[in-house]
N, C-alpha and C. Protein backbone atom coordinates (compact mmCIF):
# COMPACT_ATOMS: atom_id res chain seq x y z
N MET A 1 187.06 -119.94 36.31
CA MET A 1 186.14 -118.87 36.70
C MET A 1 185.44 -119.26 38.01
N GLY A 2 185.43 -118.35 38.94
CA GLY A 2 184.78 -118.60 40.22
C GLY A 2 183.32 -118.15 40.20
N ASP A 3 182.56 -118.65 41.13
CA ASP A 3 181.16 -118.25 41.28
C ASP A 3 181.08 -117.23 42.41
N PHE A 4 180.93 -115.96 42.02
CA PHE A 4 180.96 -114.86 42.99
C PHE A 4 179.58 -114.24 43.21
N LYS A 5 178.54 -115.02 42.94
CA LYS A 5 177.19 -114.44 43.02
C LYS A 5 176.87 -113.90 44.41
N LYS A 6 177.29 -114.61 45.47
CA LYS A 6 176.98 -114.17 46.83
C LYS A 6 177.70 -112.87 47.15
N GLU A 7 178.96 -112.77 46.77
CA GLU A 7 179.74 -111.57 47.05
C GLU A 7 179.16 -110.35 46.33
N TRP A 8 178.84 -110.52 45.03
CA TRP A 8 178.29 -109.39 44.28
C TRP A 8 176.87 -109.07 44.73
N PHE A 9 176.11 -110.09 45.10
CA PHE A 9 174.75 -109.84 45.60
C PHE A 9 174.81 -109.01 46.89
N ALA A 10 175.73 -109.36 47.79
CA ALA A 10 175.88 -108.61 49.04
C ALA A 10 176.22 -107.16 48.77
N LYS A 11 177.09 -106.91 47.76
CA LYS A 11 177.47 -105.54 47.44
C LYS A 11 176.35 -104.76 46.76
N SER A 12 175.35 -105.47 46.24
CA SER A 12 174.26 -104.79 45.52
C SER A 12 173.21 -104.20 46.46
N GLN A 13 173.26 -104.56 47.75
CA GLN A 13 172.24 -104.09 48.68
C GLN A 13 172.39 -102.59 48.93
N VAL A 14 171.28 -101.87 48.88
CA VAL A 14 171.29 -100.43 49.10
C VAL A 14 171.51 -100.16 50.59
N ASP A 15 172.42 -99.24 50.90
CA ASP A 15 172.66 -98.84 52.28
C ASP A 15 171.74 -97.66 52.60
N TYR A 16 170.54 -97.96 53.11
CA TYR A 16 169.59 -96.89 53.38
C TYR A 16 170.00 -96.03 54.57
N PHE A 17 170.84 -96.54 55.46
CA PHE A 17 171.33 -95.71 56.55
C PHE A 17 172.08 -94.50 55.99
N THR A 18 173.03 -94.77 55.11
CA THR A 18 173.83 -93.69 54.51
C THR A 18 172.99 -92.82 53.58
N SER A 19 172.13 -93.45 52.78
CA SER A 19 171.31 -92.71 51.83
C SER A 19 170.34 -91.77 52.55
N PHE A 20 169.80 -92.23 53.67
CA PHE A 20 168.87 -91.40 54.43
C PHE A 20 169.55 -90.16 54.98
N VAL A 21 170.78 -90.29 55.48
CA VAL A 21 171.52 -89.13 55.99
C VAL A 21 171.75 -88.13 54.87
N SER A 22 172.15 -88.60 53.70
CA SER A 22 172.37 -87.70 52.56
C SER A 22 171.08 -87.00 52.14
N LEU A 23 169.99 -87.76 52.12
CA LEU A 23 168.70 -87.18 51.76
C LEU A 23 168.29 -86.13 52.79
N TRP A 24 168.51 -86.43 54.07
CA TRP A 24 168.16 -85.44 55.09
C TRP A 24 168.98 -84.16 54.94
N LEU A 25 170.24 -84.29 54.57
CA LEU A 25 171.07 -83.10 54.33
C LEU A 25 170.46 -82.23 53.23
N SER A 26 169.90 -82.85 52.22
CA SER A 26 169.21 -82.12 51.16
C SER A 26 167.99 -81.40 51.72
N CYS A 27 167.21 -82.11 52.53
CA CYS A 27 166.03 -81.52 53.16
C CYS A 27 166.43 -80.38 54.08
N ASN A 28 167.47 -80.60 54.87
CA ASN A 28 167.98 -79.59 55.80
C ASN A 28 168.41 -78.33 55.05
N SER A 29 169.09 -78.52 53.94
CA SER A 29 169.53 -77.37 53.13
C SER A 29 168.33 -76.59 52.62
N TRP A 30 167.29 -77.32 52.18
CA TRP A 30 166.09 -76.65 51.67
C TRP A 30 165.42 -75.83 52.76
N TYR A 31 165.16 -76.42 53.92
CA TYR A 31 164.41 -75.67 54.92
C TYR A 31 165.23 -74.56 55.57
N ASN A 32 166.55 -74.73 55.69
CA ASN A 32 167.37 -73.64 56.20
C ASN A 32 167.32 -72.43 55.29
N PHE A 33 167.38 -72.67 53.99
CA PHE A 33 167.31 -71.58 53.02
C PHE A 33 165.90 -71.01 52.93
N HIS A 34 164.90 -71.90 52.98
CA HIS A 34 163.51 -71.53 52.73
C HIS A 34 162.89 -70.76 53.89
N TYR A 35 163.11 -71.24 55.12
CA TYR A 35 162.47 -70.63 56.29
C TYR A 35 163.41 -69.74 57.11
N SER A 36 164.69 -70.04 57.08
CA SER A 36 165.71 -69.23 57.76
C SER A 36 165.41 -69.01 59.25
N LEU A 37 164.99 -70.07 59.94
CA LEU A 37 164.81 -70.00 61.39
C LEU A 37 166.13 -70.39 62.06
N ASN A 38 166.21 -70.27 63.38
CA ASN A 38 167.54 -70.41 63.98
C ASN A 38 167.85 -71.77 64.60
N ASN A 39 166.95 -72.76 64.48
CA ASN A 39 167.32 -74.12 64.91
C ASN A 39 166.41 -75.14 64.24
N ASP A 40 166.85 -76.40 64.31
CA ASP A 40 166.13 -77.48 63.62
C ASP A 40 164.70 -77.64 64.14
N ARG A 41 164.52 -77.57 65.46
CA ARG A 41 163.18 -77.80 66.00
C ARG A 41 162.19 -76.77 65.49
N LYS A 42 162.61 -75.52 65.40
CA LYS A 42 161.71 -74.49 64.85
C LYS A 42 161.37 -74.77 63.39
N HIS A 43 162.35 -75.27 62.65
CA HIS A 43 162.10 -75.63 61.25
C HIS A 43 161.11 -76.78 61.15
N ILE A 44 161.30 -77.81 61.97
CA ILE A 44 160.42 -78.98 61.92
C ILE A 44 158.99 -78.57 62.28
N ASN A 45 158.85 -77.77 63.33
CA ASN A 45 157.52 -77.29 63.73
C ASN A 45 156.85 -76.49 62.62
N LYS A 46 157.64 -75.67 61.94
CA LYS A 46 157.10 -74.85 60.85
C LYS A 46 156.66 -75.73 59.69
N ILE A 47 157.48 -76.68 59.32
CA ILE A 47 157.14 -77.57 58.21
C ILE A 47 155.87 -78.36 58.53
N LYS A 48 155.74 -78.81 59.78
CA LYS A 48 154.57 -79.61 60.18
C LYS A 48 153.28 -78.78 60.18
N SER A 49 153.39 -77.48 60.43
CA SER A 49 152.19 -76.65 60.58
C SER A 49 151.86 -75.79 59.36
N ASP A 50 152.83 -75.58 58.47
CA ASP A 50 152.63 -74.72 57.31
C ASP A 50 151.96 -75.50 56.18
N THR A 51 150.71 -75.16 55.89
CA THR A 51 149.98 -75.84 54.81
C THR A 51 149.87 -74.96 53.56
N GLY A 52 150.62 -73.87 53.54
CA GLY A 52 150.56 -72.94 52.41
C GLY A 52 151.40 -73.40 51.22
N GLN A 53 151.32 -72.64 50.15
CA GLN A 53 152.00 -73.00 48.90
C GLN A 53 153.52 -73.03 49.05
N THR A 54 154.05 -72.28 50.01
CA THR A 54 155.51 -72.22 50.14
C THR A 54 156.11 -73.50 50.73
N ASN A 55 155.29 -74.30 51.40
CA ASN A 55 155.80 -75.55 51.98
C ASN A 55 155.71 -76.65 50.92
N LYS A 56 156.78 -76.78 50.17
CA LYS A 56 156.77 -77.72 49.04
C LYS A 56 156.61 -79.17 49.48
N LEU A 57 157.14 -79.52 50.65
CA LEU A 57 156.99 -80.89 51.14
C LEU A 57 155.52 -81.21 51.40
N PHE A 58 154.84 -80.30 52.11
CA PHE A 58 153.43 -80.55 52.41
C PHE A 58 152.59 -80.56 51.14
N LYS A 59 152.84 -79.61 50.23
CA LYS A 59 152.01 -79.51 49.02
C LYS A 59 152.17 -80.77 48.15
N GLU A 60 153.37 -81.32 48.10
CA GLU A 60 153.56 -82.57 47.34
C GLU A 60 152.83 -83.72 48.02
N PHE A 61 152.92 -83.77 49.35
CA PHE A 61 152.21 -84.79 50.11
C PHE A 61 150.70 -84.68 49.88
N GLU A 62 150.18 -83.48 49.97
CA GLU A 62 148.75 -83.24 49.77
C GLU A 62 148.32 -83.63 48.36
N LYS A 63 149.13 -83.28 47.38
CA LYS A 63 148.81 -83.61 45.99
C LYS A 63 148.72 -85.12 45.77
N LEU A 64 149.68 -85.85 46.34
CA LEU A 64 149.67 -87.30 46.19
C LEU A 64 148.48 -87.93 46.91
N PHE A 65 148.14 -87.40 48.09
CA PHE A 65 147.06 -87.97 48.88
C PHE A 65 145.69 -87.69 48.32
N THR A 66 145.49 -86.50 47.81
CA THR A 66 144.14 -86.10 47.39
C THR A 66 143.92 -86.23 45.89
N GLY A 67 144.97 -86.51 45.15
CA GLY A 67 144.85 -86.63 43.70
C GLY A 67 144.28 -87.97 43.29
N SER A 68 144.17 -88.14 41.99
CA SER A 68 143.68 -89.41 41.46
C SER A 68 144.76 -90.47 41.61
N SER A 69 144.37 -91.70 41.52
CA SER A 69 145.29 -92.82 41.73
C SER A 69 146.39 -92.81 40.67
N THR A 70 147.62 -92.71 41.13
CA THR A 70 148.78 -92.72 40.25
C THR A 70 149.80 -93.71 40.79
N LYS A 71 150.81 -93.98 39.99
CA LYS A 71 151.90 -94.85 40.43
C LYS A 71 152.59 -94.24 41.65
N GLU A 72 152.77 -92.91 41.65
CA GLU A 72 153.43 -92.23 42.76
C GLU A 72 152.59 -92.31 44.04
N GLN A 73 151.27 -92.17 43.89
CA GLN A 73 150.40 -92.27 45.05
C GLN A 73 150.44 -93.67 45.65
N LYS A 74 150.37 -94.68 44.80
CA LYS A 74 150.42 -96.06 45.27
C LYS A 74 151.73 -96.36 45.98
N SER A 75 152.83 -95.82 45.46
CA SER A 75 154.14 -96.02 46.08
C SER A 75 154.18 -95.38 47.46
N LEU A 76 153.66 -94.16 47.57
CA LEU A 76 153.64 -93.48 48.86
C LEU A 76 152.76 -94.22 49.86
N PHE A 77 151.58 -94.62 49.45
CA PHE A 77 150.68 -95.36 50.33
C PHE A 77 151.33 -96.64 50.82
N SER A 78 151.97 -97.36 49.92
CA SER A 78 152.64 -98.61 50.28
C SER A 78 153.76 -98.37 51.28
N ASN A 79 154.55 -97.32 51.05
CA ASN A 79 155.67 -97.03 51.95
C ASN A 79 155.18 -96.60 53.34
N ILE A 80 154.07 -95.88 53.40
CA ILE A 80 153.51 -95.49 54.70
C ILE A 80 153.03 -96.74 55.45
N GLU A 81 152.36 -97.64 54.75
CA GLU A 81 151.92 -98.89 55.37
C GLU A 81 153.10 -99.68 55.91
N LEU A 82 154.14 -99.81 55.10
CA LEU A 82 155.31 -100.60 55.50
C LEU A 82 156.06 -99.94 56.64
N LEU A 83 156.10 -98.60 56.65
CA LEU A 83 156.70 -97.90 57.79
C LEU A 83 155.89 -98.17 59.05
N HIS A 84 154.58 -98.14 58.93
CA HIS A 84 153.69 -98.41 60.06
C HIS A 84 153.99 -99.79 60.66
N TYR A 85 154.07 -100.81 59.82
CA TYR A 85 154.34 -102.16 60.31
C TYR A 85 155.74 -102.27 60.90
N SER A 86 156.71 -101.62 60.27
CA SER A 86 158.10 -101.66 60.77
C SER A 86 158.22 -101.02 62.13
N LEU A 87 157.56 -99.87 62.31
CA LEU A 87 157.60 -99.18 63.60
C LEU A 87 156.91 -100.00 64.69
N ASN A 88 155.78 -100.60 64.38
CA ASN A 88 155.05 -101.38 65.39
C ASN A 88 155.78 -102.67 65.76
N ARG A 89 156.58 -103.18 64.84
CA ARG A 89 157.36 -104.39 65.13
C ARG A 89 158.52 -104.06 66.07
N LYS A 90 159.08 -102.86 65.96
CA LYS A 90 160.29 -102.50 66.71
C LYS A 90 159.99 -101.73 68.00
N LEU A 91 158.96 -100.90 68.02
CA LEU A 91 158.67 -100.00 69.15
C LEU A 91 159.89 -99.15 69.49
N LEU A 92 160.29 -98.36 68.52
CA LEU A 92 161.46 -97.48 68.64
C LEU A 92 161.13 -96.27 69.51
N THR A 93 161.97 -95.99 70.48
CA THR A 93 161.73 -94.85 71.36
C THR A 93 162.72 -93.73 71.05
N ALA A 94 162.27 -92.50 71.30
CA ALA A 94 163.11 -91.33 71.06
C ALA A 94 163.15 -90.48 72.33
N PRO A 95 164.29 -89.85 72.60
CA PRO A 95 164.38 -88.97 73.78
C PRO A 95 163.31 -87.88 73.72
N LYS A 96 162.80 -87.49 74.86
CA LYS A 96 161.82 -86.41 75.03
C LYS A 96 160.40 -86.81 74.67
N LEU A 97 160.19 -87.98 74.06
CA LEU A 97 158.84 -88.39 73.71
C LEU A 97 158.33 -89.42 74.72
N LEU A 98 157.06 -89.30 75.07
CA LEU A 98 156.47 -90.20 76.05
C LEU A 98 156.15 -91.56 75.46
N LYS A 99 155.95 -91.61 74.15
CA LYS A 99 155.50 -92.86 73.52
C LYS A 99 156.43 -93.25 72.38
N PRO A 100 156.46 -94.54 72.05
CA PRO A 100 157.30 -94.98 70.92
C PRO A 100 156.85 -94.35 69.61
N LEU A 101 157.74 -94.31 68.64
CA LEU A 101 157.41 -93.77 67.32
C LEU A 101 156.43 -94.70 66.64
N SER A 102 155.28 -94.18 66.28
CA SER A 102 154.23 -95.01 65.69
C SER A 102 153.14 -94.13 65.10
N LEU A 103 152.51 -94.61 64.04
CA LEU A 103 151.34 -93.90 63.51
C LEU A 103 150.14 -94.07 64.43
N ASN A 104 150.20 -95.03 65.34
CA ASN A 104 149.15 -95.20 66.34
C ASN A 104 149.29 -94.21 67.50
N MET A 105 150.48 -93.61 67.60
CA MET A 105 150.75 -92.66 68.69
C MET A 105 151.54 -91.48 68.13
N ALA A 106 151.02 -90.85 67.11
CA ALA A 106 151.74 -89.80 66.40
C ALA A 106 151.68 -88.47 67.15
N LEU A 107 152.81 -87.80 67.21
CA LEU A 107 152.87 -86.49 67.86
C LEU A 107 152.69 -85.41 66.80
N ILE A 108 151.54 -84.77 66.82
CA ILE A 108 151.24 -83.74 65.82
C ILE A 108 151.86 -82.40 66.23
N ASP A 109 151.65 -82.02 67.48
CA ASP A 109 152.12 -80.73 68.00
C ASP A 109 153.22 -80.97 69.03
N TRP A 110 154.42 -80.51 68.72
CA TRP A 110 155.58 -80.74 69.58
C TRP A 110 155.38 -80.19 70.99
N ASP A 111 154.64 -79.10 71.12
CA ASP A 111 154.41 -78.50 72.44
C ASP A 111 153.65 -79.45 73.38
N GLY A 112 152.99 -80.46 72.82
CA GLY A 112 152.25 -81.41 73.63
C GLY A 112 153.02 -82.68 73.93
N LYS A 113 154.32 -82.69 73.69
CA LYS A 113 155.12 -83.92 73.83
C LYS A 113 155.08 -84.52 75.24
N ASP A 114 154.81 -83.68 76.25
CA ASP A 114 154.78 -84.16 77.64
C ASP A 114 153.38 -84.52 78.11
N ASN A 115 152.43 -84.52 77.19
CA ASN A 115 151.03 -84.80 77.52
C ASN A 115 150.57 -86.04 76.75
N ASN A 116 150.21 -87.08 77.47
CA ASN A 116 149.77 -88.33 76.83
C ASN A 116 148.63 -88.12 75.84
N ASN A 117 147.76 -87.16 76.13
CA ASN A 117 146.60 -86.92 75.28
C ASN A 117 146.95 -86.24 73.96
N SER A 118 148.19 -85.80 73.81
CA SER A 118 148.60 -85.12 72.57
C SER A 118 149.03 -86.10 71.48
N TYR A 119 149.16 -87.37 71.83
CA TYR A 119 149.57 -88.38 70.86
C TYR A 119 148.32 -88.94 70.18
N VAL A 120 148.28 -88.85 68.86
CA VAL A 120 147.07 -89.13 68.08
C VAL A 120 147.19 -90.46 67.35
N ASP A 121 146.13 -91.24 67.38
CA ASP A 121 146.08 -92.49 66.61
C ASP A 121 145.59 -92.16 65.20
N LEU A 122 146.49 -92.27 64.24
CA LEU A 122 146.16 -91.96 62.84
C LEU A 122 145.59 -93.16 62.10
N ILE A 123 145.59 -94.33 62.73
CA ILE A 123 145.09 -95.55 62.11
C ILE A 123 143.67 -95.82 62.59
N LEU A 124 142.77 -96.03 61.66
CA LEU A 124 141.39 -96.35 62.00
C LEU A 124 141.22 -97.87 62.01
N SER A 125 140.96 -98.41 63.17
CA SER A 125 140.76 -99.86 63.26
C SER A 125 139.31 -100.21 62.94
N ASN A 126 139.09 -101.42 62.49
CA ASN A 126 137.73 -101.89 62.18
C ASN A 126 137.03 -101.00 61.17
N ALA A 127 137.78 -100.53 60.19
CA ALA A 127 137.24 -99.53 59.27
C ALA A 127 136.70 -100.13 57.97
N LYS A 128 136.92 -101.44 57.76
CA LYS A 128 136.54 -102.05 56.49
C LYS A 128 135.49 -103.14 56.68
N THR A 129 134.75 -103.34 55.60
CA THR A 129 133.81 -104.45 55.56
C THR A 129 134.57 -105.74 55.27
N LYS A 130 133.90 -106.85 55.30
CA LYS A 130 134.55 -108.13 55.00
C LYS A 130 135.05 -108.19 53.56
N THR A 131 134.47 -107.38 52.69
CA THR A 131 134.91 -107.36 51.28
C THR A 131 136.05 -106.38 51.04
N GLY A 132 136.51 -105.70 52.09
CA GLY A 132 137.65 -104.81 51.96
C GLY A 132 137.32 -103.37 51.65
N LYS A 133 136.05 -103.02 51.63
CA LYS A 133 135.65 -101.64 51.36
C LYS A 133 135.47 -100.88 52.66
N LEU A 134 135.61 -99.55 52.59
CA LEU A 134 135.40 -98.74 53.78
C LEU A 134 133.95 -98.84 54.24
N LYS A 135 133.76 -98.95 55.52
CA LYS A 135 132.40 -98.95 56.07
C LYS A 135 131.76 -97.58 55.84
N ALA A 136 130.45 -97.57 55.74
CA ALA A 136 129.71 -96.35 55.38
C ALA A 136 129.95 -95.21 56.35
N ASN A 137 130.17 -95.51 57.62
CA ASN A 137 130.32 -94.45 58.63
C ASN A 137 131.77 -94.03 58.86
N ILE A 138 132.70 -94.53 58.04
CA ILE A 138 134.12 -94.27 58.23
C ILE A 138 134.59 -93.17 57.29
N ASN A 139 135.18 -92.14 57.85
CA ASN A 139 135.78 -91.06 57.06
C ASN A 139 137.29 -91.23 57.12
N GLY A 140 137.79 -92.11 56.27
CA GLY A 140 139.22 -92.41 56.29
C GLY A 140 139.78 -92.54 54.88
N ILE A 141 141.09 -92.73 54.84
CA ILE A 141 141.79 -92.92 53.56
C ILE A 141 142.32 -94.35 53.55
N ASN A 142 141.86 -95.11 52.58
CA ASN A 142 142.22 -96.52 52.47
C ASN A 142 143.57 -96.63 51.77
N LEU A 143 144.59 -97.08 52.51
CA LEU A 143 145.91 -97.24 51.91
C LEU A 143 146.11 -98.63 51.32
N GLY A 144 145.15 -99.50 51.53
CA GLY A 144 145.28 -100.88 51.05
C GLY A 144 145.04 -101.84 52.19
N ASP A 145 146.05 -102.01 53.05
CA ASP A 145 145.90 -102.88 54.21
C ASP A 145 145.43 -102.14 55.45
N ILE A 146 145.73 -100.86 55.52
CA ILE A 146 145.30 -100.06 56.67
C ILE A 146 144.49 -98.86 56.19
N VAL A 147 143.73 -98.29 57.12
CA VAL A 147 142.96 -97.09 56.85
C VAL A 147 143.43 -96.01 57.83
N ILE A 148 143.72 -94.83 57.30
CA ILE A 148 144.17 -93.75 58.16
C ILE A 148 143.14 -92.63 58.17
N VAL A 149 143.23 -91.77 59.18
CA VAL A 149 142.26 -90.68 59.32
C VAL A 149 142.30 -89.78 58.09
N ASN A 150 141.16 -89.21 57.76
CA ASN A 150 141.05 -88.34 56.59
C ASN A 150 141.39 -86.90 56.99
N ASN A 151 142.66 -86.72 57.38
CA ASN A 151 143.15 -85.41 57.77
C ASN A 151 144.59 -85.31 57.28
N VAL A 152 144.76 -84.75 56.10
CA VAL A 152 146.07 -84.77 55.44
C VAL A 152 147.11 -84.03 56.27
N GLN A 153 146.74 -82.93 56.90
CA GLN A 153 147.71 -82.16 57.68
C GLN A 153 148.19 -82.97 58.89
N GLN A 154 147.27 -83.65 59.57
CA GLN A 154 147.66 -84.48 60.72
C GLN A 154 148.57 -85.62 60.29
N ILE A 155 148.22 -86.28 59.20
CA ILE A 155 149.03 -87.40 58.72
C ILE A 155 150.43 -86.92 58.37
N PHE A 156 150.50 -85.81 57.64
CA PHE A 156 151.80 -85.26 57.24
C PHE A 156 152.62 -84.89 58.47
N ALA A 157 152.00 -84.18 59.43
CA ALA A 157 152.72 -83.74 60.63
C ALA A 157 153.22 -84.94 61.44
N GLY A 158 152.38 -85.94 61.60
CA GLY A 158 152.78 -87.13 62.35
C GLY A 158 153.91 -87.88 61.67
N LEU A 159 153.81 -88.04 60.36
CA LEU A 159 154.85 -88.72 59.60
C LEU A 159 156.17 -87.96 59.63
N PHE A 160 156.08 -86.65 59.45
CA PHE A 160 157.31 -85.86 59.38
C PHE A 160 158.03 -85.85 60.73
N GLU A 161 157.27 -85.84 61.82
CA GLU A 161 157.90 -85.93 63.15
C GLU A 161 158.61 -87.27 63.31
N ILE A 162 157.98 -88.34 62.85
CA ILE A 162 158.62 -89.66 62.92
C ILE A 162 159.91 -89.67 62.13
N ILE A 163 159.85 -89.16 60.90
CA ILE A 163 161.04 -89.13 60.05
C ILE A 163 162.16 -88.32 60.70
N TYR A 164 161.80 -87.19 61.29
CA TYR A 164 162.81 -86.36 61.95
C TYR A 164 163.40 -87.07 63.17
N GLN A 165 162.56 -87.73 63.96
CA GLN A 165 163.07 -88.44 65.13
C GLN A 165 163.99 -89.59 64.73
N VAL A 166 163.67 -90.29 63.65
CA VAL A 166 164.55 -91.36 63.15
C VAL A 166 165.87 -90.75 62.71
N ARG A 167 165.80 -89.61 62.04
CA ARG A 167 167.03 -88.89 61.64
C ARG A 167 167.89 -88.58 62.86
N CYS A 168 167.27 -88.07 63.94
CA CYS A 168 168.02 -87.71 65.15
C CYS A 168 168.69 -88.94 65.76
N LEU A 169 167.95 -90.02 65.86
CA LEU A 169 168.50 -91.25 66.43
C LEU A 169 169.69 -91.75 65.61
N LEU A 170 169.56 -91.68 64.31
CA LEU A 170 170.62 -92.17 63.42
C LEU A 170 171.85 -91.27 63.49
N VAL A 171 171.65 -89.96 63.36
CA VAL A 171 172.78 -89.03 63.32
C VAL A 171 173.51 -88.96 64.67
N HIS A 172 172.77 -89.11 65.75
CA HIS A 172 173.39 -89.02 67.07
C HIS A 172 173.95 -90.36 67.56
N GLY A 173 173.89 -91.37 66.70
CA GLY A 173 174.48 -92.67 67.04
C GLY A 173 173.66 -93.51 67.99
N ASP A 174 172.36 -93.19 68.11
CA ASP A 174 171.49 -93.92 69.05
C ASP A 174 170.66 -95.01 68.37
N LEU A 175 170.86 -95.21 67.09
CA LEU A 175 170.07 -96.21 66.37
C LEU A 175 170.95 -97.40 66.05
N GLU A 176 170.66 -98.51 66.69
CA GLU A 176 171.43 -99.72 66.47
C GLU A 176 171.22 -100.21 65.03
N PRO A 177 172.30 -100.57 64.32
CA PRO A 177 172.16 -100.98 62.92
C PRO A 177 171.63 -102.40 62.76
N THR A 178 170.41 -102.63 63.25
CA THR A 178 169.78 -103.94 63.14
C THR A 178 168.91 -104.00 61.88
N GLU A 179 168.45 -105.19 61.56
CA GLU A 179 167.59 -105.36 60.39
C GLU A 179 166.26 -104.62 60.56
N ASP A 180 165.69 -104.68 61.78
CA ASP A 180 164.43 -103.97 62.03
C ASP A 180 164.60 -102.47 61.87
N ASN A 181 165.68 -101.91 62.41
CA ASN A 181 165.92 -100.48 62.26
C ASN A 181 166.21 -100.10 60.82
N TYR A 182 166.88 -100.99 60.11
CA TYR A 182 167.15 -100.76 58.69
C TYR A 182 165.83 -100.59 57.92
N GLU A 183 164.85 -101.42 58.24
CA GLU A 183 163.55 -101.32 57.57
C GLU A 183 162.88 -99.98 57.86
N ILE A 184 162.96 -99.52 59.09
CA ILE A 184 162.37 -98.22 59.45
C ILE A 184 163.04 -97.10 58.67
N VAL A 185 164.36 -97.11 58.65
CA VAL A 185 165.11 -96.07 57.92
C VAL A 185 164.80 -96.13 56.43
N LYS A 186 164.69 -97.32 55.91
CA LYS A 186 164.38 -97.50 54.48
C LYS A 186 163.08 -96.80 54.11
N TYR A 187 162.02 -97.02 54.88
CA TYR A 187 160.72 -96.44 54.52
C TYR A 187 160.66 -94.94 54.82
N CYS A 188 161.39 -94.49 55.84
CA CYS A 188 161.51 -93.05 56.05
C CYS A 188 162.19 -92.40 54.84
N TYR A 189 163.23 -93.05 54.36
CA TYR A 189 163.94 -92.55 53.19
C TYR A 189 163.02 -92.50 51.97
N LEU A 190 162.32 -93.58 51.71
CA LEU A 190 161.49 -93.64 50.51
C LEU A 190 160.36 -92.62 50.53
N ILE A 191 159.76 -92.39 51.70
CA ILE A 191 158.69 -91.39 51.81
C ILE A 191 159.25 -90.00 51.58
N LEU A 192 160.33 -89.66 52.28
CA LEU A 192 160.92 -88.32 52.13
C LEU A 192 161.42 -88.10 50.71
N HIS A 193 161.99 -89.13 50.12
CA HIS A 193 162.49 -89.02 48.74
C HIS A 193 161.35 -88.72 47.77
N ASP A 194 160.21 -89.41 47.95
CA ASP A 194 159.06 -89.16 47.09
C ASP A 194 158.57 -87.72 47.18
N LEU A 195 158.67 -87.13 48.37
CA LEU A 195 158.19 -85.76 48.57
C LEU A 195 159.17 -84.71 48.06
N MET A 196 160.46 -85.03 48.11
CA MET A 196 161.47 -84.05 47.70
C MET A 196 161.83 -84.11 46.22
N LYS A 197 161.63 -85.26 45.63
CA LYS A 197 162.05 -85.45 44.24
C LYS A 197 161.49 -84.41 43.27
N PRO A 198 160.20 -84.06 43.35
CA PRO A 198 159.67 -83.11 42.36
C PRO A 198 160.34 -81.73 42.35
N PHE A 199 160.85 -81.28 43.49
CA PHE A 199 161.46 -79.95 43.48
C PHE A 199 162.97 -79.97 43.69
N CYS A 200 163.55 -81.16 43.70
CA CYS A 200 165.01 -81.26 43.85
C CYS A 200 165.69 -81.90 42.64
N SER A 201 164.92 -82.50 41.78
CA SER A 201 165.58 -83.21 40.65
C SER A 201 165.47 -82.37 39.37
């Protein structure tokens, strides 16, 4: 009997590049049917700006963010933090954007993509006391290691634009299959999966 632990361990690794493309196809199918606009950019803009009941992605995001502490909320918060660190480690750039993909430079409104002032810092620095609690004058959401602005629509819009830009880079063959990029795709996948699971499973 041979010892094949390394070979089987290698095969056990999840391919998030492939899984993310499949998940995006599910998302794409939903928004094409749901909004029926004539191109992807119009769909993305609509999803980022629609805070009504019909936008199931936003409503699930809002529910997790504003609800009581649950396993699902903790998972989402953790994945957002890890995506933040992964993006800042890589400084991934996308065509048409002035700044790298980052929660520190999130593009909320696509029409402002050519204006430096349109990129919003969603991370609040110096927001905690030495004991790890939010400072009294800070209106933020504590994710654990980082604190983000207390504006659910802005956070959702910024995150969804990042996820879409990562999708574009991957599908168009512009994303090098490195370990750093793999981490970015992994957390984009996990965040989008958490938001789609309630109405797709």
